[in-house]
């Protein structure tokens, strides 16, 4: 299943009532679910604002761990690896194509 065309995600986080995640926040949460313990990094899953997606998901009650990892290369330094720690039950996924047909 590809994550890059997800526009809405209905999910239950840690047993709370179902909620709707929209846009890039739905995409980021889906990527974290799919990655499991491996987690996601901006290097492996390029996106404009991973840190913002994680910040906003956390504010919505999603537990996400940040692990700082070193990387080499011409721009050596560190990057974040985000690992989902909440239990998330996905009830419905809406893809961009489905949304276009519904309009």
C-alpha atoms as a PDB file:
ATOM      1  CA  UNK A   1       0.000   0.000   0.000  1.00  0.00           C
ATOM      2  CA  UNK A   2       1.450   3.398  -0.993  1.00  0.00           C
ATOM      3  CA  UNK A   3       1.313   6.198   1.548  1.00  0.00           C
ATOM      4  CA  UNK A   4       1.946   9.164  -0.751  1.00  0.00           C
ATOM      5  CA  UNK A   5      -1.638   9.424  -1.994  1.00  0.00           C
ATOM      6  CA  UNK A   6      -3.363   9.263   1.418  1.00  0.00           C
ATOM      7  CA  UNK A   7      -5.467  12.336   2.194  1.00  0.00           C
ATOM      8  CA  UNK A   8      -7.560  11.172   5.174  1.00  0.00           C
ATOM      9  CA  UNK A   9      -7.069   8.592   7.887  1.00  0.00           C
ATOM     10  CA  UNK A  10      -9.727   7.630  10.451  1.00  0.00           C
ATOM     11  CA  UNK A  11      -8.008   6.020  13.421  1.00  0.00           C
ATOM     12  CA  UNK A  12      -8.277   5.136  17.092  1.00  0.00           C
ATOM     13  CA  UNK A  13      -5.156   6.111  19.062  1.00  0.00           C
ATOM     14  CA  UNK A  14      -4.498   4.287  22.328  1.00  0.00           C
ATOM     15  CA  UNK A  15      -8.158   3.391  22.738  1.00  0.00           C
ATOM     16  CA  UNK A  16      -9.452   6.969  22.505  1.00  0.00           C
ATOM     17  CA  UNK A  17     -12.482   7.837  20.341  1.00  0.00           C
ATOM     18  CA  UNK A  18     -11.936   7.648  16.593  1.00  0.00           C
ATOM     19  CA  UNK A  19     -10.486  10.777  15.078  1.00  0.00           C
ATOM     20  CA  UNK A  20      -9.747  12.084  11.617  1.00  0.00           C
ATOM     21  CA  UNK A  21      -6.223  12.906  10.454  1.00  0.00           C
ATOM     22  CA  UNK A  22      -6.035  14.931   7.244  1.00  0.00           C
ATOM     23  CA  UNK A  23      -3.426  15.703   4.588  1.00  0.00           C
ATOM     24  CA  UNK A  24       0.250  15.388   5.422  1.00  0.00           C
ATOM     25  CA  UNK A  25      -0.620  14.483   9.014  1.00  0.00           C
ATOM     26  CA  UNK A  26      -2.547  11.446   7.740  1.00  0.00           C
ATOM     27  CA  UNK A  27       0.388  10.625   5.448  1.00  0.00           C
ATOM     28  CA  UNK A  28       2.951  10.931   8.261  1.00  0.00           C
ATOM     29  CA  UNK A  29       0.912   8.808  10.663  1.00  0.00           C
ATOM     30  CA  UNK A  30       0.430   6.135   7.994  1.00  0.00           C
ATOM     31  CA  UNK A  31       4.199   6.120   7.295  1.00  0.00           C
ATOM     32  CA  UNK A  32       4.914   5.703  11.009  1.00  0.00           C
ATOM     33  CA  UNK A  33       2.421   2.835  11.262  1.00  0.00           C
ATOM     34  CA  UNK A  34       3.922   1.085   8.238  1.00  0.00           C
ATOM     35  CA  UNK A  35       7.503   1.572   9.485  1.00  0.00           C
ATOM     36  CA  UNK A  36       6.856  -0.036  12.872  1.00  0.00           C
ATOM     37  CA  UNK A  37       9.916  -0.304  15.138  1.00  0.00           C
ATOM     38  CA  UNK A  38      12.195   0.751  12.260  1.00  0.00           C
ATOM     39  CA  UNK A  39      10.658   4.224  12.361  1.00  0.00           C
ATOM     40  CA  UNK A  40      10.911   6.968   9.749  1.00  0.00           C
ATOM     41  CA  UNK A  41      13.564   9.530   8.963  1.00  0.00           C
ATOM     42  CA  UNK A  42      13.373  12.589   6.718  1.00  0.00           C
ATOM     43  CA  UNK A  43      16.267  11.036   4.784  1.00  0.00           C
ATOM     44  CA  UNK A  44      14.360   7.817   3.987  1.00  0.00           C
ATOM     45  CA  UNK A  45      10.885   9.413   3.684  1.00  0.00           C
ATOM     46  CA  UNK A  46      11.515  12.905   2.292  1.00  0.00           C
ATOM     47  CA  UNK A  47       8.864  15.472   3.180  1.00  0.00           C
ATOM     48  CA  UNK A  48       8.989  19.220   3.687  1.00  0.00           C
ATOM     49  CA  UNK A  49       8.194  19.346   7.411  1.00  0.00           C
ATOM     50  CA  UNK A  50       8.567  16.024   9.247  1.00  0.00           C
ATOM     51  CA  UNK A  51       9.296  17.772  12.538  1.00  0.00           C
ATOM     52  CA  UNK A  52       6.066  19.788  12.244  1.00  0.00           C
ATOM     53  CA  UNK A  53       4.002  16.715  11.368  1.00  0.00           C
ATOM     54  CA  UNK A  54       5.376  14.923  14.442  1.00  0.00           C
ATOM     55  CA  UNK A  55       4.818  17.983  16.656  1.00  0.00           C
ATOM     56  CA  UNK A  56       1.193  18.315  15.571  1.00  0.00           C
ATOM     57  CA  UNK A  57       0.514  14.560  15.862  1.00  0.00           C
ATOM     58  CA  UNK A  58       1.908  14.644  19.392  1.00  0.00           C
ATOM     59  CA  UNK A  59      -0.415  17.528  20.247  1.00  0.00           C
ATOM     60  CA  UNK A  60      -3.276  15.277  19.099  1.00  0.00           C
ATOM     61  CA  UNK A  61      -2.214  12.601  21.586  1.00  0.00           C
ATOM     62  CA  UNK A  62      -0.055  10.370  19.381  1.00  0.00           C
ATOM     63  CA  UNK A  63       3.063   9.126  21.203  1.00  0.00           C
ATOM     64  CA  UNK A  64       6.092   9.386  18.913  1.00  0.00           C
ATOM     65  CA  UNK A  65       9.684   8.877  20.058  1.00  0.00           C
ATOM     66  CA  UNK A  66      12.502  10.912  18.515  1.00  0.00           C
ATOM     67  CA  UNK A  67      15.847   9.139  18.226  1.00  0.00           C
ATOM     68  CA  UNK A  68      18.828  11.281  17.163  1.00  0.00           C
ATOM     69  CA  UNK A  69      21.166   9.493  14.742  1.00  0.00           C
ATOM     70  CA  UNK A  70      24.448  10.569  13.198  1.00  0.00           C
ATOM     71  CA  UNK A  71      24.970  10.573   9.448  1.00  0.00           C
ATOM     72  CA  UNK A  72      28.107  10.919   7.354  1.00  0.00           C
ATOM     73  CA  UNK A  73      28.724  12.507   3.989  1.00  0.00           C
ATOM     74  CA  UNK A  74      29.526  16.003   2.795  1.00  0.00           C
ATOM     75  CA  UNK A  75      26.934  17.444   5.199  1.00  0.00           C
ATOM     76  CA  UNK A  76      27.637  15.180   8.155  1.00  0.00           C
ATOM     77  CA  UNK A  77      25.622  15.727  11.280  1.00  0.00           C
ATOM     78  CA  UNK A  78      22.548  14.242  12.880  1.00  0.00           C
ATOM     79  CA  UNK A  79      18.991  13.541  11.859  1.00  0.00           C
ATOM     80  CA  UNK A  80      15.871  12.392  13.658  1.00  0.00           C
ATOM     81  CA  UNK A  81      14.287   8.962  13.474  1.00  0.00           C
ATOM     82  CA  UNK A  82      10.638   9.015  14.523  1.00  0.00           C
ATOM     83  CA  UNK A  83       9.137   5.846  15.998  1.00  0.00           C
ATOM     84  CA  UNK A  84       5.431   5.464  16.720  1.00  0.00           C
ATOM     85  CA  UNK A  85       4.836   4.404  20.333  1.00  0.00           C
ATOM     86  CA  UNK A  86       1.042   4.688  20.417  1.00  0.00           C
ATOM     87  CA  UNK A  87      -1.214   1.823  19.457  1.00  0.00           C
ATOM     88  CA  UNK A  88      -3.100   2.965  16.374  1.00  0.00           C
ATOM     89  CA  UNK A  89      -6.063   1.128  14.874  1.00  0.00           C
ATOM     90  CA  UNK A  90      -6.822   2.380  11.362  1.00  0.00           C
ATOM     91  CA  UNK A  91     -10.532   2.254  10.552  1.00  0.00           C
ATOM     92  CA  UNK A  92     -10.589   3.970   7.177  1.00  0.00           C
ATOM     93  CA  UNK A  93      -8.106   5.347   4.660  1.00  0.00           C
ATOM     94  CA  UNK A  94      -9.154   7.785   1.948  1.00  0.00           C
ATOM     95  CA  UNK A  95      -6.878   8.205  -1.055  1.00  0.00           C
ATOM     96  CA  UNK A  96      -6.645  11.224  -3.342  1.00  0.00           C
ATOM     97  CA  UNK A  97      -8.350   9.409  -6.227  1.00  0.00           C
ATOM     98  CA  UNK A  98     -11.338   8.494  -4.055  1.00  0.00           C
ATOM     99  CA  UNK A  99     -11.633  12.086  -2.871  1.00  0.00           C
ATOM    100  CA  UNK A 100     -11.631  13.392  -6.477  1.00  0.00           C
ATOM    101  CA  UNK A 101     -14.408  10.985  -7.482  1.00  0.00           C
ATOM    102  CA  UNK A 102     -16.501  11.919  -4.453  1.00  0.00           C
ATOM    103  CA  UNK A 103     -16.412  15.626  -5.316  1.00  0.00           C
END
